[in-house]
N, C-alpha and C. Protein backbone atom coordinates (compact mmCIF):
# COMPACT_ATOMS: atom_id res chain seq x y z
N MET A 1 83.37 -27.44 -118.15
CA MET A 1 82.28 -26.32 -118.54
C MET A 1 81.30 -26.36 -117.85
N ALA A 2 80.75 -25.07 -117.23
CA ALA A 2 79.43 -24.99 -116.50
C ALA A 2 78.32 -25.43 -117.02
N GLY A 3 77.64 -25.97 -116.02
CA GLY A 3 76.12 -26.61 -116.59
C GLY A 3 75.20 -25.52 -117.16
N GLN A 4 75.39 -24.26 -116.91
CA GLN A 4 74.51 -23.19 -117.53
C GLN A 4 74.53 -23.17 -119.01
N LEU A 5 75.65 -23.57 -119.51
CA LEU A 5 75.75 -23.64 -120.96
C LEU A 5 75.58 -25.08 -121.58
N LEU A 6 74.77 -25.10 -122.67
CA LEU A 6 74.18 -26.36 -123.28
C LEU A 6 75.61 -26.86 -124.12
N GLU A 7 75.93 -28.04 -124.02
CA GLU A 7 77.00 -28.50 -124.83
C GLU A 7 76.38 -29.34 -126.00
N LEU A 8 76.33 -28.88 -127.22
CA LEU A 8 75.78 -29.51 -128.17
C LEU A 8 76.56 -30.43 -129.10
N THR A 9 76.10 -31.47 -129.55
CA THR A 9 76.68 -32.61 -130.47
C THR A 9 75.95 -32.38 -131.83
N THR A 10 76.37 -33.13 -132.75
CA THR A 10 75.76 -33.39 -133.98
C THR A 10 74.45 -34.19 -133.67
N ALA A 11 74.32 -34.90 -132.53
CA ALA A 11 73.03 -35.57 -132.21
C ALA A 11 72.01 -34.81 -132.01
N ASP A 12 72.14 -33.70 -131.10
CA ASP A 12 71.17 -32.86 -130.41
C ASP A 12 71.18 -31.53 -130.84
N PHE A 13 72.03 -31.09 -131.86
CA PHE A 13 71.94 -29.74 -132.28
C PHE A 13 70.91 -29.23 -133.16
N ASP A 14 70.38 -29.93 -134.03
CA ASP A 14 69.04 -29.50 -134.93
C ASP A 14 67.88 -29.39 -134.06
N ALA A 15 67.74 -30.37 -133.08
CA ALA A 15 66.64 -30.34 -132.32
C ALA A 15 66.57 -29.08 -131.25
N THR A 16 67.91 -28.82 -130.90
CA THR A 16 67.91 -27.60 -129.84
C THR A 16 67.65 -26.24 -130.62
N VAL A 17 68.25 -26.20 -131.78
CA VAL A 17 68.07 -24.85 -132.53
C VAL A 17 66.84 -24.70 -133.29
N ALA A 18 66.16 -25.73 -133.27
CA ALA A 18 64.84 -25.78 -134.05
C ALA A 18 63.72 -24.73 -133.75
N THR A 19 63.67 -24.57 -132.33
CA THR A 19 62.68 -23.53 -132.08
C THR A 19 63.18 -22.59 -131.06
N GLY A 20 62.56 -21.27 -131.07
CA GLY A 20 62.86 -20.39 -130.04
C GLY A 20 64.40 -19.59 -130.62
N VAL A 21 64.89 -18.99 -129.81
CA VAL A 21 66.16 -18.35 -130.15
C VAL A 21 67.33 -18.94 -129.27
N THR A 22 68.43 -19.27 -130.09
CA THR A 22 69.46 -19.95 -129.40
C THR A 22 70.72 -19.25 -130.00
N LEU A 23 71.90 -18.92 -128.90
CA LEU A 23 72.98 -18.47 -129.01
C LEU A 23 73.92 -19.72 -129.19
N VAL A 24 74.71 -19.81 -130.33
CA VAL A 24 75.74 -21.03 -130.43
C VAL A 24 77.05 -20.49 -130.55
N ASP A 25 78.02 -20.87 -129.68
CA ASP A 25 79.26 -20.53 -129.79
C ASP A 25 80.20 -21.81 -130.24
N PHE A 26 80.66 -21.56 -131.48
CA PHE A 26 81.61 -22.65 -132.04
C PHE A 26 82.97 -22.40 -131.70
N TRP A 27 83.48 -23.22 -130.73
CA TRP A 27 84.85 -23.04 -130.24
C TRP A 27 85.62 -24.40 -130.11
N ALA A 28 86.92 -24.31 -129.85
CA ALA A 28 87.93 -25.43 -129.53
C ALA A 28 88.72 -25.19 -128.20
N THR A 29 89.08 -26.27 -127.76
CA THR A 29 90.02 -26.26 -126.32
C THR A 29 91.24 -25.35 -126.54
N TRP A 30 91.77 -25.58 -127.74
CA TRP A 30 93.11 -24.89 -128.12
C TRP A 30 92.93 -23.54 -128.39
N CYS A 31 91.80 -22.89 -128.45
CA CYS A 31 91.83 -21.48 -128.93
C CYS A 31 91.56 -20.57 -127.64
N GLY A 32 92.75 -19.57 -127.62
CA GLY A 32 92.88 -18.66 -126.49
C GLY A 32 91.63 -17.69 -126.41
N PRO A 33 91.11 -17.12 -127.57
CA PRO A 33 89.83 -16.15 -127.42
C PRO A 33 88.59 -16.94 -127.11
N CYS A 34 88.59 -18.24 -127.52
CA CYS A 34 87.28 -19.03 -127.22
C CYS A 34 87.42 -19.27 -125.57
N GLN A 35 88.50 -19.45 -124.99
CA GLN A 35 88.56 -19.56 -123.69
C GLN A 35 88.16 -18.33 -122.84
N MET A 36 88.32 -17.20 -123.44
CA MET A 36 88.06 -15.95 -122.92
C MET A 36 86.52 -15.67 -123.06
N GLN A 37 85.88 -16.12 -124.04
CA GLN A 37 84.66 -16.10 -124.40
C GLN A 37 83.61 -16.69 -123.39
N THR A 38 84.00 -18.09 -123.08
CA THR A 38 83.30 -18.73 -122.23
C THR A 38 82.81 -17.91 -120.94
N PRO A 39 83.70 -17.46 -120.01
CA PRO A 39 83.18 -16.70 -119.12
C PRO A 39 82.38 -15.51 -119.44
N ILE A 40 82.38 -14.95 -120.37
CA ILE A 40 81.62 -13.81 -120.63
C ILE A 40 80.06 -14.38 -121.01
N LEU A 41 80.19 -15.52 -121.59
CA LEU A 41 78.66 -16.03 -121.69
C LEU A 41 78.05 -16.57 -120.36
N GLU A 42 78.96 -17.39 -119.63
CA GLU A 42 78.47 -17.74 -118.26
C GLU A 42 77.95 -16.69 -117.41
N GLN A 43 78.74 -15.67 -117.14
CA GLN A 43 78.55 -14.40 -116.32
C GLN A 43 77.68 -13.35 -116.83
N LYS A 44 77.60 -13.16 -118.03
CA LYS A 44 76.77 -11.91 -118.58
C LYS A 44 75.59 -12.33 -119.31
N VAL A 45 75.74 -13.32 -120.47
CA VAL A 45 74.73 -13.69 -121.38
C VAL A 45 73.85 -14.58 -120.81
N VAL A 46 74.28 -15.50 -120.08
CA VAL A 46 73.25 -16.54 -119.45
C VAL A 46 72.34 -16.00 -118.58
N PRO A 47 72.83 -15.24 -117.51
CA PRO A 47 71.93 -14.56 -116.52
C PRO A 47 70.97 -13.72 -117.25
N GLU A 48 71.51 -12.63 -118.13
CA GLU A 48 70.45 -11.93 -118.75
C GLU A 48 69.53 -12.51 -119.73
N MET A 49 69.79 -13.73 -120.22
CA MET A 49 68.64 -14.58 -121.17
C MET A 49 67.97 -15.50 -120.55
N ALA A 50 68.14 -15.83 -119.12
CA ALA A 50 67.55 -17.05 -118.43
C ALA A 50 66.04 -17.17 -118.88
N GLY A 51 65.76 -18.11 -119.30
CA GLY A 51 64.39 -18.44 -119.42
C GLY A 51 63.76 -17.98 -120.97
N ARG A 52 64.81 -17.12 -121.58
CA ARG A 52 64.20 -16.46 -122.89
C ARG A 52 65.01 -17.02 -123.94
N ALA A 53 66.22 -17.41 -123.86
CA ALA A 53 66.96 -17.78 -124.95
C ALA A 53 67.96 -19.03 -124.44
N LYS A 54 68.34 -19.95 -125.38
CA LYS A 54 69.21 -20.86 -125.12
C LYS A 54 70.68 -20.32 -125.48
N ILE A 55 71.51 -20.81 -124.51
CA ILE A 55 72.96 -20.29 -124.88
C ILE A 55 73.77 -21.73 -124.76
N ALA A 56 74.35 -21.92 -126.08
CA ALA A 56 75.10 -23.18 -126.17
C ALA A 56 76.47 -23.01 -126.90
N LYS A 57 77.03 -24.15 -126.61
CA LYS A 57 78.50 -24.25 -127.25
C LYS A 57 78.57 -25.45 -128.11
N VAL A 58 79.43 -25.51 -129.23
CA VAL A 58 79.87 -26.58 -130.09
C VAL A 58 81.15 -26.59 -130.25
N ASN A 59 81.90 -27.75 -129.72
CA ASN A 59 83.24 -27.94 -130.01
C ASN A 59 83.43 -28.35 -131.48
N VAL A 60 84.09 -27.59 -132.30
CA VAL A 60 84.46 -27.76 -133.54
C VAL A 60 85.15 -29.05 -133.88
N ASP A 61 86.13 -29.49 -132.96
CA ASP A 61 86.87 -30.72 -133.07
C ASP A 61 86.09 -31.92 -132.96
N GLN A 62 85.14 -31.74 -132.07
CA GLN A 62 84.24 -32.94 -131.93
C GLN A 62 83.07 -32.96 -132.81
N ALA A 63 82.55 -31.90 -133.43
CA ALA A 63 81.49 -31.66 -134.30
C ALA A 63 82.03 -31.05 -135.60
N ARG A 64 82.89 -31.70 -136.28
CA ARG A 64 83.25 -31.23 -137.48
C ARG A 64 82.37 -30.94 -138.39
N GLU A 65 81.31 -31.73 -138.60
CA GLU A 65 80.25 -31.63 -139.54
C GLU A 65 79.58 -30.49 -139.58
N LEU A 66 79.08 -29.94 -138.20
CA LEU A 66 78.43 -28.66 -138.11
C LEU A 66 79.29 -27.66 -138.34
N ALA A 67 80.64 -27.49 -138.04
CA ALA A 67 81.33 -26.54 -138.40
C ALA A 67 81.48 -26.39 -139.95
N VAL A 68 81.44 -27.31 -140.64
CA VAL A 68 81.46 -27.25 -142.17
C VAL A 68 80.27 -26.75 -142.73
N ARG A 69 79.05 -27.33 -142.02
CA ARG A 69 77.70 -27.10 -142.49
C ARG A 69 77.57 -25.61 -142.26
N TYR A 70 77.97 -24.83 -141.32
CA TYR A 70 77.62 -23.47 -141.05
C TYR A 70 78.97 -22.66 -141.45
N ALA A 71 79.93 -23.13 -142.27
CA ALA A 71 81.20 -22.66 -143.00
C ALA A 71 81.91 -21.87 -141.71
N VAL A 72 82.14 -22.46 -140.69
CA VAL A 72 82.84 -21.84 -139.51
C VAL A 72 84.45 -21.84 -140.18
N LYS A 73 84.95 -20.84 -140.33
CA LYS A 73 86.35 -20.70 -140.89
C LYS A 73 87.24 -20.33 -139.69
N SER A 74 86.75 -19.48 -138.68
CA SER A 74 87.52 -18.78 -137.74
C SER A 74 86.81 -19.00 -136.39
N ILE A 75 87.43 -19.08 -135.38
CA ILE A 75 86.84 -19.42 -134.03
C ILE A 75 87.37 -18.41 -133.00
N PRO A 76 86.57 -17.92 -131.89
CA PRO A 76 85.30 -18.37 -131.74
C PRO A 76 84.42 -17.86 -132.82
N ALA A 77 83.24 -18.48 -133.33
CA ALA A 77 82.39 -17.98 -134.13
C ALA A 77 80.90 -18.18 -133.41
N LEU A 78 80.20 -17.16 -133.13
CA LEU A 78 79.01 -16.98 -132.52
C LEU A 78 77.83 -16.72 -133.58
N MET A 79 76.80 -17.82 -133.46
CA MET A 79 75.58 -17.64 -134.43
C MET A 79 74.26 -17.57 -133.59
N ILE A 80 73.39 -16.69 -133.79
CA ILE A 80 72.15 -16.62 -133.29
C ILE A 80 71.07 -17.35 -134.28
N PHE A 81 70.33 -18.29 -133.76
CA PHE A 81 69.51 -19.12 -134.42
C PHE A 81 67.92 -18.71 -133.96
N LYS A 82 67.21 -18.45 -134.82
CA LYS A 82 65.83 -18.21 -134.41
C LYS A 82 64.95 -19.18 -135.28
N ASP A 83 64.27 -20.03 -134.67
CA ASP A 83 63.55 -21.30 -135.16
C ASP A 83 64.40 -21.81 -136.27
N GLY A 84 65.54 -22.17 -135.89
CA GLY A 84 66.36 -23.00 -136.87
C GLY A 84 67.21 -22.38 -137.89
N GLN A 85 66.95 -21.04 -138.12
CA GLN A 85 67.82 -20.24 -139.09
C GLN A 85 68.62 -19.37 -138.45
N VAL A 86 69.81 -19.14 -139.04
CA VAL A 86 70.73 -18.27 -138.68
C VAL A 86 70.32 -16.90 -138.86
N VAL A 87 70.18 -16.02 -137.87
CA VAL A 87 69.71 -14.51 -138.23
C VAL A 87 70.95 -13.54 -137.77
N GLN A 88 71.86 -14.08 -137.15
CA GLN A 88 73.16 -13.10 -137.03
C GLN A 88 74.38 -13.94 -136.60
N GLN A 89 75.58 -13.32 -137.15
CA GLN A 89 76.75 -14.01 -136.96
C GLN A 89 77.84 -13.21 -136.38
N PHE A 90 78.78 -13.69 -135.60
CA PHE A 90 79.88 -12.83 -135.07
C PHE A 90 81.15 -13.75 -135.12
N VAL A 91 82.38 -12.92 -135.47
CA VAL A 91 83.48 -13.70 -135.65
C VAL A 91 84.61 -13.26 -134.55
N GLY A 92 85.22 -14.09 -133.71
CA GLY A 92 85.97 -13.36 -132.82
C GLY A 92 85.48 -13.22 -131.44
N LEU A 93 86.19 -12.82 -130.52
CA LEU A 93 85.84 -12.34 -129.13
C LEU A 93 84.67 -11.25 -129.01
N GLN A 94 83.63 -11.53 -128.32
CA GLN A 94 82.47 -10.57 -128.40
C GLN A 94 82.24 -10.34 -126.86
N ARG A 95 81.79 -8.93 -126.70
CA ARG A 95 81.52 -8.25 -125.53
C ARG A 95 80.02 -8.94 -125.15
N GLY A 96 79.78 -9.28 -123.92
CA GLY A 96 78.51 -9.78 -123.37
C GLY A 96 77.30 -8.78 -123.79
N GLU A 97 77.59 -7.50 -123.72
CA GLU A 97 76.57 -6.42 -123.95
C GLU A 97 76.10 -6.47 -125.39
N GLU A 98 76.99 -6.69 -126.27
CA GLU A 98 76.64 -6.98 -127.67
C GLU A 98 75.74 -8.12 -127.85
N LEU A 99 76.22 -9.26 -127.32
CA LEU A 99 75.38 -10.49 -127.48
C LEU A 99 74.14 -10.42 -126.94
N VAL A 100 73.97 -9.69 -125.74
CA VAL A 100 72.61 -9.53 -125.19
C VAL A 100 71.76 -8.72 -126.05
N LYS A 101 72.34 -7.68 -126.67
CA LYS A 101 71.53 -6.72 -127.28
C LYS A 101 71.10 -7.55 -128.67
N ALA A 102 71.93 -8.30 -129.27
CA ALA A 102 71.74 -9.05 -130.58
C ALA A 102 70.38 -10.09 -130.25
N LEU A 103 70.77 -10.69 -129.01
CA LEU A 103 69.71 -11.66 -128.67
C LEU A 103 68.30 -11.07 -128.40
N ASN A 104 68.31 -9.96 -127.69
CA ASN A 104 66.97 -9.16 -127.44
C ASN A 104 66.29 -8.82 -128.87
N ALA A 105 67.13 -8.39 -129.91
CA ALA A 105 66.65 -8.07 -131.14
C ALA A 105 66.05 -9.26 -131.67
N ALA A 106 66.72 -10.48 -131.74
CA ALA A 106 66.29 -11.47 -132.27
C ALA A 106 64.94 -11.98 -131.57
N LEU A 107 64.79 -11.84 -130.33
CA LEU A 107 63.77 -12.08 -129.59
C LEU A 107 62.41 -11.11 -129.73
N GLY A 108 62.88 -9.97 -130.48
CA GLY A 108 61.84 -8.87 -130.60
C GLY A 108 61.55 -8.13 -129.41
N ALA A 109 62.51 -8.12 -128.70
CA ALA A 109 62.37 -7.28 -127.19
C ALA A 109 62.63 -5.92 -127.51
């Protein structure tokens, strides 16, 4: 996975989403739509949000407790956190433009 996306674990998740705006993609290696979501995040969302919002991924197979905590039932599941609170959720493959629009809204832009 590219270095431009943060890879979160249960150890660093809470500290990462605690401040500012963070988009978290809950995914798994065996999920086809998840594999299609990653390049959208890397090529569209990360460049648009550089320095303004964090873009991260959580592997639900390696961080099951996070998937349970946020009631992830279907992946990819993308959640926008603002200062530690979920402010918007998406389920299924999402277009980069929609995610950028939602992140700008969370940032108040």
